[in-house]
C-alpha atoms as a PDB file:
ATOM      1  CA  MET A   1      20.536  -9.615   4.938  1.00  0.00           C
ATOM      2  CA  ILE A   2      17.522 -10.935   3.080  1.00  0.00           C
ATOM      3  CA  LYS A   3      17.685 -10.161  -0.686  1.00  0.00           C
ATOM      4  CA  ALA A   4      14.068 -11.459  -1.744  1.00  0.00           C
ATOM      5  CA  ILE A   5      11.182 -13.328  -0.345  1.00  0.00           C
ATOM      6  CA  LEU A   6       9.243 -15.490  -2.800  1.00  0.00           C
ATOM      7  CA  ILE A   7       6.132 -17.505  -2.644  1.00  0.00           C
ATOM      8  CA  PHE A   8       4.959 -19.606  -5.334  1.00  0.00           C
ATOM      9  CA  ASN A   9       2.790 -22.780  -5.865  1.00  0.00           C
ATOM     10  CA  ASN A  10       3.678 -26.373  -7.064  1.00  0.00           C
ATOM     11  CA  HIS A  11       3.411 -25.227 -10.666  1.00  0.00           C
ATOM     12  CA  GLY A  12       5.906 -22.118 -10.370  1.00  0.00           C
ATOM     13  CA  LYS A  13       3.083 -19.560 -10.189  1.00  0.00           C
ATOM     14  CA  PRO A  14       4.265 -16.650  -8.044  1.00  0.00           C
ATOM     15  CA  ARG A  15       1.931 -15.796  -5.310  1.00  0.00           C
ATOM     16  CA  LEU A  16       4.102 -13.075  -3.584  1.00  0.00           C
ATOM     17  CA  SER A  17       7.360 -11.662  -4.600  1.00  0.00           C
ATOM     18  CA  LYS A  18       9.298  -8.938  -2.440  1.00  0.00           C
ATOM     19  CA  PHE A  19      12.761  -7.990  -3.735  1.00  0.00           C
ATOM     20  CA  TYR A  20      14.838  -5.805  -1.343  1.00  0.00           C
ATOM     21  CA  GLU A  21      17.433  -5.014  -4.296  1.00  0.00           C
ATOM     22  CA  HIS A  22      16.525  -3.319  -7.459  1.00  0.00           C
ATOM     23  CA  TYR A  23      16.009  -5.706 -10.394  1.00  0.00           C
ATOM     24  CA  SER A  24      14.385  -5.180 -13.679  1.00  0.00           C
ATOM     25  CA  GLU A  25      11.124  -6.604 -14.087  1.00  0.00           C
ATOM     26  CA  ASP A  26      12.383  -9.228 -16.476  1.00  0.00           C
ATOM     27  CA  THR A  27      15.256 -10.102 -14.249  1.00  0.00           C
ATOM     28  CA  GLU A  28      12.590 -10.498 -11.304  1.00  0.00           C
ATOM     29  CA  GLN A  29      10.563 -12.917 -13.397  1.00  0.00           C
ATOM     30  CA  GLN A  30      13.857 -14.895 -14.334  1.00  0.00           C
ATOM     31  CA  ILE A  31      14.834 -15.258 -10.713  1.00  0.00           C
ATOM     32  CA  ILE A  32      11.482 -16.575  -9.892  1.00  0.00           C
ATOM     33  CA  ARG A  33      11.647 -19.196 -12.460  1.00  0.00           C
ATOM     34  CA  GLU A  34      15.217 -19.998 -11.707  1.00  0.00           C
ATOM     35  CA  THR A  35      14.417 -20.328  -7.939  1.00  0.00           C
ATOM     36  CA  PHE A  36      11.429 -22.501  -8.543  1.00  0.00           C
ATOM     37  CA  HIS A  37      13.464 -24.819 -10.752  1.00  0.00           C
ATOM     38  CA  LEU A  38      16.198 -25.068  -8.062  1.00  0.00           C
ATOM     39  CA  VAL A  39      13.828 -25.681  -5.201  1.00  0.00           C
ATOM     40  CA  SER A  40      11.153 -27.930  -6.843  1.00  0.00           C
ATOM     41  CA  LYS A  41      13.618 -30.619  -8.083  1.00  0.00           C
ATOM     42  CA  ARG A  42      14.785 -31.191  -4.535  1.00  0.00           C
ATOM     43  CA  ASP A  43      13.792 -34.358  -2.516  1.00  0.00           C
ATOM     44  CA  GLU A  44      11.522 -34.051   0.610  1.00  0.00           C
ATOM     45  CA  ASN A  45      14.317 -35.744   2.624  1.00  0.00           C
ATOM     46  CA  VAL A  46      17.012 -33.244   1.947  1.00  0.00           C
ATOM     47  CA  CYS A  47      17.903 -29.955   3.833  1.00  0.00           C
ATOM     48  CA  ASN A  48      15.863 -26.928   3.352  1.00  0.00           C
ATOM     49  CA  PHE A  49      18.770 -24.568   2.152  1.00  0.00           C
ATOM     50  CA  LEU A  50      21.006 -24.413  -1.017  1.00  0.00           C
ATOM     51  CA  GLU A  51      23.135 -22.116  -3.033  1.00  0.00           C
ATOM     52  CA  GLY A  52      21.430 -19.231  -4.696  1.00  0.00           C
ATOM     53  CA  GLY A  53      20.949 -19.295  -8.570  1.00  0.00           C
ATOM     54  CA  MET A  54      23.226 -17.260 -10.773  1.00  0.00           C
ATOM     55  CA  LEU A  55      20.788 -14.405 -11.238  1.00  0.00           C
ATOM     56  CA  ILE A  56      20.557 -13.955  -7.221  1.00  0.00           C
ATOM     57  CA  GLY A  57      24.180 -14.067  -6.462  1.00  0.00           C
ATOM     58  CA  GLY A  58      25.429 -17.476  -6.995  1.00  0.00           C
ATOM     59  CA  SER A  59      27.389 -19.129  -4.224  1.00  0.00           C
ATOM     60  CA  GLU A  60      27.446 -15.997  -2.217  1.00  0.00           C
ATOM     61  CA  ASN A  61      23.788 -16.261  -1.490  1.00  0.00           C
ATOM     62  CA  LYS A  62      21.428 -18.968  -0.137  1.00  0.00           C
ATOM     63  CA  LEU A  63      17.965 -20.010  -0.796  1.00  0.00           C
ATOM     64  CA  ILE A  64      16.306 -21.046   2.369  1.00  0.00           C
ATOM     65  CA  TYR A  65      12.660 -22.412   1.888  1.00  0.00           C
ATOM     66  CA  ARG A  66       9.892 -24.498   3.415  1.00  0.00           C
ATOM     67  CA  HIS A  67       7.281 -26.457   1.582  1.00  0.00           C
ATOM     68  CA  TYR A  68       3.717 -26.324   2.900  1.00  0.00           C
ATOM     69  CA  ALA A  69       0.957 -28.213   0.931  1.00  0.00           C
ATOM     70  CA  THR A  70       0.883 -26.395  -2.489  1.00  0.00           C
ATOM     71  CA  LEU A  71       3.195 -23.491  -1.598  1.00  0.00           C
ATOM     72  CA  TYR A  72       6.992 -22.875  -1.460  1.00  0.00           C
ATOM     73  CA  PHE A  73       8.064 -19.982   0.904  1.00  0.00           C
ATOM     74  CA  VAL A  74      11.595 -19.199  -0.102  1.00  0.00           C
ATOM     75  CA  PHE A  75      13.995 -16.455   1.477  1.00  0.00           C
ATOM     76  CA  CYS A  76      16.974 -15.566  -0.517  1.00  0.00           C
ATOM     77  CA  VAL A  77      19.568 -14.319   1.928  1.00  0.00           C
ATOM     78  CA  ASP A  78      23.446 -13.598   1.923  1.00  0.00           C
ATOM     79  CA  SER A  79      26.100 -15.363   4.118  1.00  0.00           C
ATOM     80  CA  SER A  80      25.467 -13.257   7.110  1.00  0.00           C
ATOM     81  CA  GLU A  81      22.081 -14.865   7.872  1.00  0.00           C
ATOM     82  CA  SER A  82      21.643 -17.941   9.780  1.00  0.00           C
ATOM     83  CA  GLU A  83      19.888 -20.757   8.071  1.00  0.00           C
ATOM     84  CA  LEU A  84      18.125 -22.017  11.383  1.00  0.00           C
ATOM     85  CA  GLY A  85      17.152 -18.384  12.037  1.00  0.00           C
ATOM     86  CA  ILE A  86      15.459 -17.957   8.589  1.00  0.00           C
ATOM     87  CA  LEU A  87      13.744 -21.207   8.999  1.00  0.00           C
ATOM     88  CA  ASP A  88      12.180 -20.133  12.196  1.00  0.00           C
ATOM     89  CA  LEU A  89      11.277 -16.841  10.647  1.00  0.00           C
ATOM     90  CA  ILE A  90       9.446 -18.622   7.820  1.00  0.00           C
ATOM     91  CA  GLN A  91       7.599 -20.639  10.330  1.00  0.00           C
ATOM     92  CA  VAL A  92       6.508 -17.498  12.126  1.00  0.00           C
ATOM     93  CA  PHE A  93       5.372 -15.945   9.007  1.00  0.00           C
ATOM     94  CA  VAL A  94       3.289 -18.949   8.081  1.00  0.00           C
ATOM     95  CA  GLU A  95       1.798 -19.190  11.514  1.00  0.00           C
ATOM     96  CA  THR A  96       0.998 -15.458  11.378  1.00  0.00           C
ATOM     97  CA  LEU A  97      -0.779 -15.969   8.101  1.00  0.00           C
ATOM     98  CA  ASP A  98      -2.646 -18.851   9.394  1.00  0.00           C
ATOM     99  CA  LYS A  99      -3.772 -17.030  12.538  1.00  0.00           C
ATOM    100  CA  CYS A 100      -4.924 -13.847  10.466  1.00  0.00           C
ATOM    101  CA  PHE A 101      -6.625 -15.758   7.637  1.00  0.00           C
ATOM    102  CA  GLU A 102      -7.913 -18.884   9.773  1.00  0.00           C
ATOM    103  CA  ASN A 103      -6.324 -21.824   7.989  1.00  0.00           C
ATOM    104  CA  VAL A 104      -4.486 -19.820   5.286  1.00  0.00           C
ATOM    105  CA  CYS A 105      -4.574 -21.252   1.648  1.00  0.00           C
ATOM    106  CA  GLU A 106      -3.253 -20.184  -1.678  1.00  0.00           C
ATOM    107  CA  LEU A 107      -6.669 -18.251  -2.416  1.00  0.00           C
ATOM    108  CA  ASP A 108      -5.923 -16.008   0.588  1.00  0.00           C
ATOM    109  CA  LEU A 109      -2.599 -14.923  -0.837  1.00  0.00           C
ATOM    110  CA  ILE A 110      -4.286 -14.139  -4.273  1.00  0.00           C
ATOM    111  CA  PHE A 111      -7.268 -12.170  -2.890  1.00  0.00           C
ATOM    112  CA  HIS A 112      -5.742 -10.477   0.033  1.00  0.00           C
ATOM    113  CA  VAL A 113      -2.204  -9.701  -1.459  1.00  0.00           C
ATOM    114  CA  ASP A 114      -2.185  -6.215   0.400  1.00  0.00           C
ATOM    115  CA  LYS A 115      -2.758  -7.769   3.720  1.00  0.00           C
ATOM    116  CA  VAL A 116      -0.129 -10.242   3.015  1.00  0.00           C
ATOM    117  CA  HIS A 117       2.285  -7.420   2.325  1.00  0.00           C
ATOM    118  CA  ASN A 118       1.167  -5.625   5.471  1.00  0.00           C
ATOM    119  CA  ILE A 119       2.087  -8.763   7.681  1.00  0.00           C
ATOM    120  CA  LEU A 120       5.468  -9.201   5.838  1.00  0.00           C
ATOM    121  CA  ALA A 121       6.243  -5.510   6.417  1.00  0.00           C
ATOM    122  CA  GLU A 122       6.004  -5.902  10.144  1.00  0.00           C
ATOM    123  CA  MET A 123       8.435  -8.761  10.123  1.00  0.00           C
ATOM    124  CA  VAL A 124      11.006  -7.682   7.580  1.00  0.00           C
ATOM    125  CA  MET A 125      11.832  -4.059   6.392  1.00  0.00           C
ATOM    126  CA  GLY A 126      14.634  -3.191   3.816  1.00  0.00           C
ATOM    127  CA  GLY A 127      16.010  -6.623   4.012  1.00  0.00           C
ATOM    128  CA  MET A 128      16.522  -6.528   7.794  1.00  0.00           C
ATOM    129  CA  VAL A 129      14.339  -8.622  10.328  1.00  0.00           C
ATOM    130  CA  LEU A 130      12.193  -6.303  12.435  1.00  0.00           C
ATOM    131  CA  GLU A 131       9.946  -8.522  14.483  1.00  0.00           C
ATOM    132  CA  THR A 132       9.615 -12.286  15.197  1.00  0.00           C
ATOM    133  CA  ASN A 133       6.962 -12.243  17.906  1.00  0.00           C
ATOM    134  CA  MET A 134       3.787 -13.404  16.318  1.00  0.00           C
ATOM    135  CA  ASN A 135       1.488 -11.855  18.862  1.00  0.00           C
ATOM    136  CA  GLU A 136       3.103  -8.336  18.391  1.00  0.00           C
ATOM    137  CA  ILE A 137       2.900  -8.641  14.612  1.00  0.00           C
ATOM    138  CA  ILE A 138      -0.887  -9.579  14.754  1.00  0.00           C
ATOM    139  CA  MET A 139      -1.505  -6.658  17.361  1.00  0.00           C
ATOM    140  CA  GLN A 140       0.086  -4.176  14.790  1.00  0.00           C
ATOM    141  CA  VAL A 141      -1.702  -5.619  11.746  1.00  0.00           C
ATOM    142  CA  ASP A 142      -5.017  -5.325  13.708  1.00  0.00           C
ATOM    143  CA  ALA A 143      -4.229  -1.855  14.715  1.00  0.00           C
ATOM    144  CA  GLN A 144      -3.597  -0.754  11.087  1.00  0.00           C
ATOM    145  CA  ASN A 145      -6.811  -2.466  10.015  1.00  0.00           C
ATOM    146  CA  LYS A 146      -8.805  -0.630  12.533  1.00  0.00           C
ATOM    147  CA  MET A 147      -7.256   2.719  11.253  1.00  0.00           C
ATOM    148  CA  GLU A 148      -8.142   1.996   7.740  1.00  0.00           C
ATOM    149  CA  LYS A 149     -11.775   1.369   8.685  1.00  0.00           C
ATOM    150  CA  SER A 150     -11.981   4.507  10.837  1.00  0.00           C
ATOM    151  CA  GLU A 151     -10.785   6.535   7.629  1.00  0.00           C
ATOM    152  CA  PHE A 152     -13.242   4.624   5.408  1.00  0.00           C
ATOM    153  CA  PHE A 153     -16.488   4.734   7.196  1.00  0.00           C
ATOM    154  CA  PRO A 154     -16.865   8.536   7.537  1.00  0.00           C
ATOM    155  CA  PHE A 155     -16.669   8.990   3.668  1.00  0.00           C
ATOM    156  CA  PHE A 156     -19.197   6.059   3.443  1.00  0.00           C
ATOM    157  CA  SER A 157     -21.410   7.824   5.946  1.00  0.00           C
ATOM    158  CA  LEU A 158     -21.239  11.066   4.041  1.00  0.00           C
ATOM    159  CA  PHE A 159     -21.911   9.377   0.654  1.00  0.00           C
ATOM    160  CA  ALA A 160     -25.028   7.578   2.100  1.00  0.00           C
ATOM    161  CA  ASP A 161     -26.352  10.828   3.600  1.00  0.00           C
ATOM    162  CA  VAL A 162     -26.015  12.647   0.467  1.00  0.00           C
ATOM    163  CA  TYR A 163     -27.579   9.683  -1.483  1.00  0.00           C
ATOM    164  CA  LEU A 164     -30.532   9.659   0.587  1.00  0.00           C
ATOM    165  CA  SER A 165     -31.000  13.475   0.514  1.00  0.00           C
ATOM    166  CA  VAL A 166     -31.040  13.308  -3.273  1.00  0.00           C
ATOM    167  CA  TYR A 167     -32.833  10.403  -4.076  1.00  0.00           C
ATOM    168  CA  GLN A 168     -35.532  10.189  -1.322  1.00  0.00           C
ATOM    169  CA  ALA A 169     -36.011  13.751  -0.042  1.00  0.00           C
ATOM    170  CA  GLY A 170     -35.893  15.166  -3.510  1.00  0.00           C
ATOM    171  CA  GLN A 171     -33.783  18.189  -2.614  1.00  0.00           C
ATOM    172  CA  VAL A 172     -30.355  18.973  -1.548  1.00  0.00           C
ATOM    173  CA  ASP A 173     -29.170  22.020   0.444  1.00  0.00           C
ATOM    174  CA  THR A 174     -25.628  22.383  -0.985  1.00  0.00           C
ATOM    175  CA  GLY A 175     -24.993  25.292   1.136  1.00  0.00           C
ATOM    176  CA  ARG A 176     -24.247  23.076   4.024  1.00  0.00           C
ATOM    177  CA  HIS A 177     -21.174  21.675   2.194  1.00  0.00           C
ATOM    178  CA  ARG A 178     -20.001  24.502  -0.052  1.00  0.00           C
ATOM    179  CA  ARG A 179     -20.306  28.164   0.945  1.00  0.00           C
ATOM    180  CA  GLY A 180     -22.103  30.302  -1.591  1.00  0.00           C
ATOM    181  CA  ALA A 181     -23.513  27.575  -3.304  1.00  0.00           C
ATOM    182  CA  ARG A 182     -27.108  27.650  -4.363  1.00  0.00           C
ATOM    183  CA  THR A 183     -29.872  25.394  -3.170  1.00  0.00           C
ATOM    184  CA  ARG A 184     -31.372  23.065  -5.856  1.00  0.00           C
ATOM    185  CA  ARG A 185     -34.615  21.258  -5.744  1.00  0.00           C
ATOM    186  CA  ILE A 186     -35.180  18.127  -7.642  1.00  0.00           C
ATOM    187  CA  ARG A 187     -38.430  16.603  -8.402  1.00  0.00           C
ATOM    188  CA  ARG A 188     -38.548  12.943  -8.864  1.00  0.00           C
ATOM    189  CA  LYS A 189     -41.633  11.029  -9.839  1.00  0.00           C
ATOM    190  CA  GLU A 190     -42.044   7.449  -8.389  1.00  0.00           C
ATOM    191  CA  HIS A 191     -44.281   4.685  -9.666  1.00  0.00           C
ATOM    192  CA  GLU A 192     -45.392   6.934 -12.478  1.00  0.00           C
ATOM    193  CA  SER A 193     -44.221   6.518 -16.242  1.00  0.00           C
ATOM    194  CA  PRO A 194     -43.743   9.672 -18.421  1.00  0.00           C
ATOM    195  CA  ARG A 195     -46.657  10.360 -20.634  1.00  0.00           C
ATOM    196  CA  ASN A 196     -44.768  11.467 -23.684  1.00  0.00           C
ATOM    197  CA  ALA A 197     -41.266  11.997 -25.105  1.00  0.00           C
ATOM    198  CA  GLN A 198     -41.029  15.584 -23.831  1.00  0.00           C
ATOM    199  CA  GLU A 199     -41.728  14.466 -20.110  1.00  0.00           C
ATOM    200  CA  HIS A 200     -39.360  11.529 -20.482  1.00  0.00           C
ATOM    201  CA  GLN A 201     -36.425  13.743 -21.687  1.00  0.00           C
ATOM    202  CA  HIS A 202     -37.311  16.215 -18.722  1.00  0.00           C
ATOM    203  CA  TRP A 203     -37.326  13.337 -16.282  1.00  0.00           C
ATOM    204  CA  ARG A 204     -33.897  12.111 -17.600  1.00  0.00           C
ATOM    205  CA  HIS A 205     -32.575  15.611 -17.128  1.00  0.00           C
ATOM    206  CA  GLN A 206     -33.577  15.810 -13.669  1.00  0.00           C
ATOM    207  CA  HIS A 207     -32.095  12.274 -12.921  1.00  0.00           C
ATOM    208  CA  LYS A 208     -28.788  13.573 -14.479  1.00  0.00           C
ATOM    209  CA  SER A 209     -28.843  16.563 -12.440  1.00  0.00           C
ATOM    210  CA  ALA A 210     -29.137  14.622  -9.215  1.00  0.00           C
ATOM    211  CA  LYS A 211     -26.304  12.588  -9.995  1.00  0.00           C
ATOM    212  CA  LEU A 212     -24.088  15.675 -10.856  1.00  0.00           C
ATOM    213  CA  THR A 213     -25.338  17.435  -7.601  1.00  0.00           C
ATOM    214  CA  LEU A 214     -24.188  14.164  -5.565  1.00  0.00           C
ATOM    215  CA  LEU A 215     -20.704  14.304  -7.121  1.00  0.00           C
ATOM    216  CA  GLN A 216     -20.324  17.985  -6.592  1.00  0.00           C
ATOM    217  CA  ILE A 217     -21.186  17.725  -2.800  1.00  0.00           C
ATOM    218  CA  VAL A 218     -18.635  14.864  -2.282  1.00  0.00           C
ATOM    219  CA  ALA A 219     -16.048  16.845  -4.156  1.00  0.00           C
ATOM    220  CA  ALA A 220     -16.856  19.909  -2.393  1.00  0.00           C
ATOM    221  CA  ARG A 221     -16.504  18.063   0.985  1.00  0.00           C
ATOM    222  CA  TRP A 222     -13.507  15.886   0.580  1.00  0.00           C
ATOM    223  CA  LEU A 223     -11.202  17.480  -2.377  1.00  0.00           C
ATOM    224  CA  PRO A 224      -9.260  20.873  -1.618  1.00  0.00           C
ATOM    225  CA  ARG A 225     -10.293  23.804  -3.380  1.00  0.00           C
ATOM    226  CA  PRO A 226      -7.701  25.260  -5.901  1.00  0.00           C
ATOM    227  CA  ALA A 227      -7.253  28.476  -3.847  1.00  0.00           C
ATOM    228  CA  ASP A 228      -6.376  26.187  -0.669  1.00  0.00           C
ATOM    229  CA  VAL A 229      -3.806  24.198  -2.787  1.00  0.00           C
ATOM    230  CA  HIS A 230      -2.387  27.469  -4.150  1.00  0.00           C
ATOM    231  CA  GLN A 231      -1.999  28.882  -0.580  1.00  0.00           C
ATOM    232  CA  CYS A 232      -0.224  25.621   0.500  1.00  0.00           C
ATOM    233  CA  LEU A 233       2.297  25.947  -2.245  1.00  0.00           C
ATOM    234  CA  LEU A 234       3.013  29.364  -1.336  1.00  0.00           C
END
């Protein structure tokens, strides 16, 4: 069973950490520091596995790692796992990252940590290896990305339509989005500055009302009404 998967750079800065056993946050940080100390001091000519540190289980567990450029990929496993099998799994993980990010580097792990976790979840779940076929992993990740985009764009499209209706047409028919709501008309003067303080205050009030109307429409379209929530609870 895989106990933990750690990725850190040559200076010991963690770039990804996934623990499959419960540890406190302080203990996790100590495990990362201890693991880096054990791995980083090893020569490049020695084998790629060694006994785990005291915090990760000592001699009962093993640290299996590969060093790529500025990153260490370390798998902490128990004695039931094969060293060569885990080395191949690390290679598949790195090749999958390289395929998804096109020449993966340390910055990709920093700015796309959610995508990296998604890739890892397709390979390992609960400390057990699920998939080792790189093509199958990439296909599942692409399918998940398409699903996320399909959920995002309808909301973006609605927001854009409401924005245009408020700030360009100058009026919003809220009855289309919320039953029983009244229609509000908003005047907006373009290319004309207010002539006095009273007109300036009135103009600011109209602009604020437009923003509130926009938020009300989005909330009415996407958030459940209290009555609906109460009915579901019953």
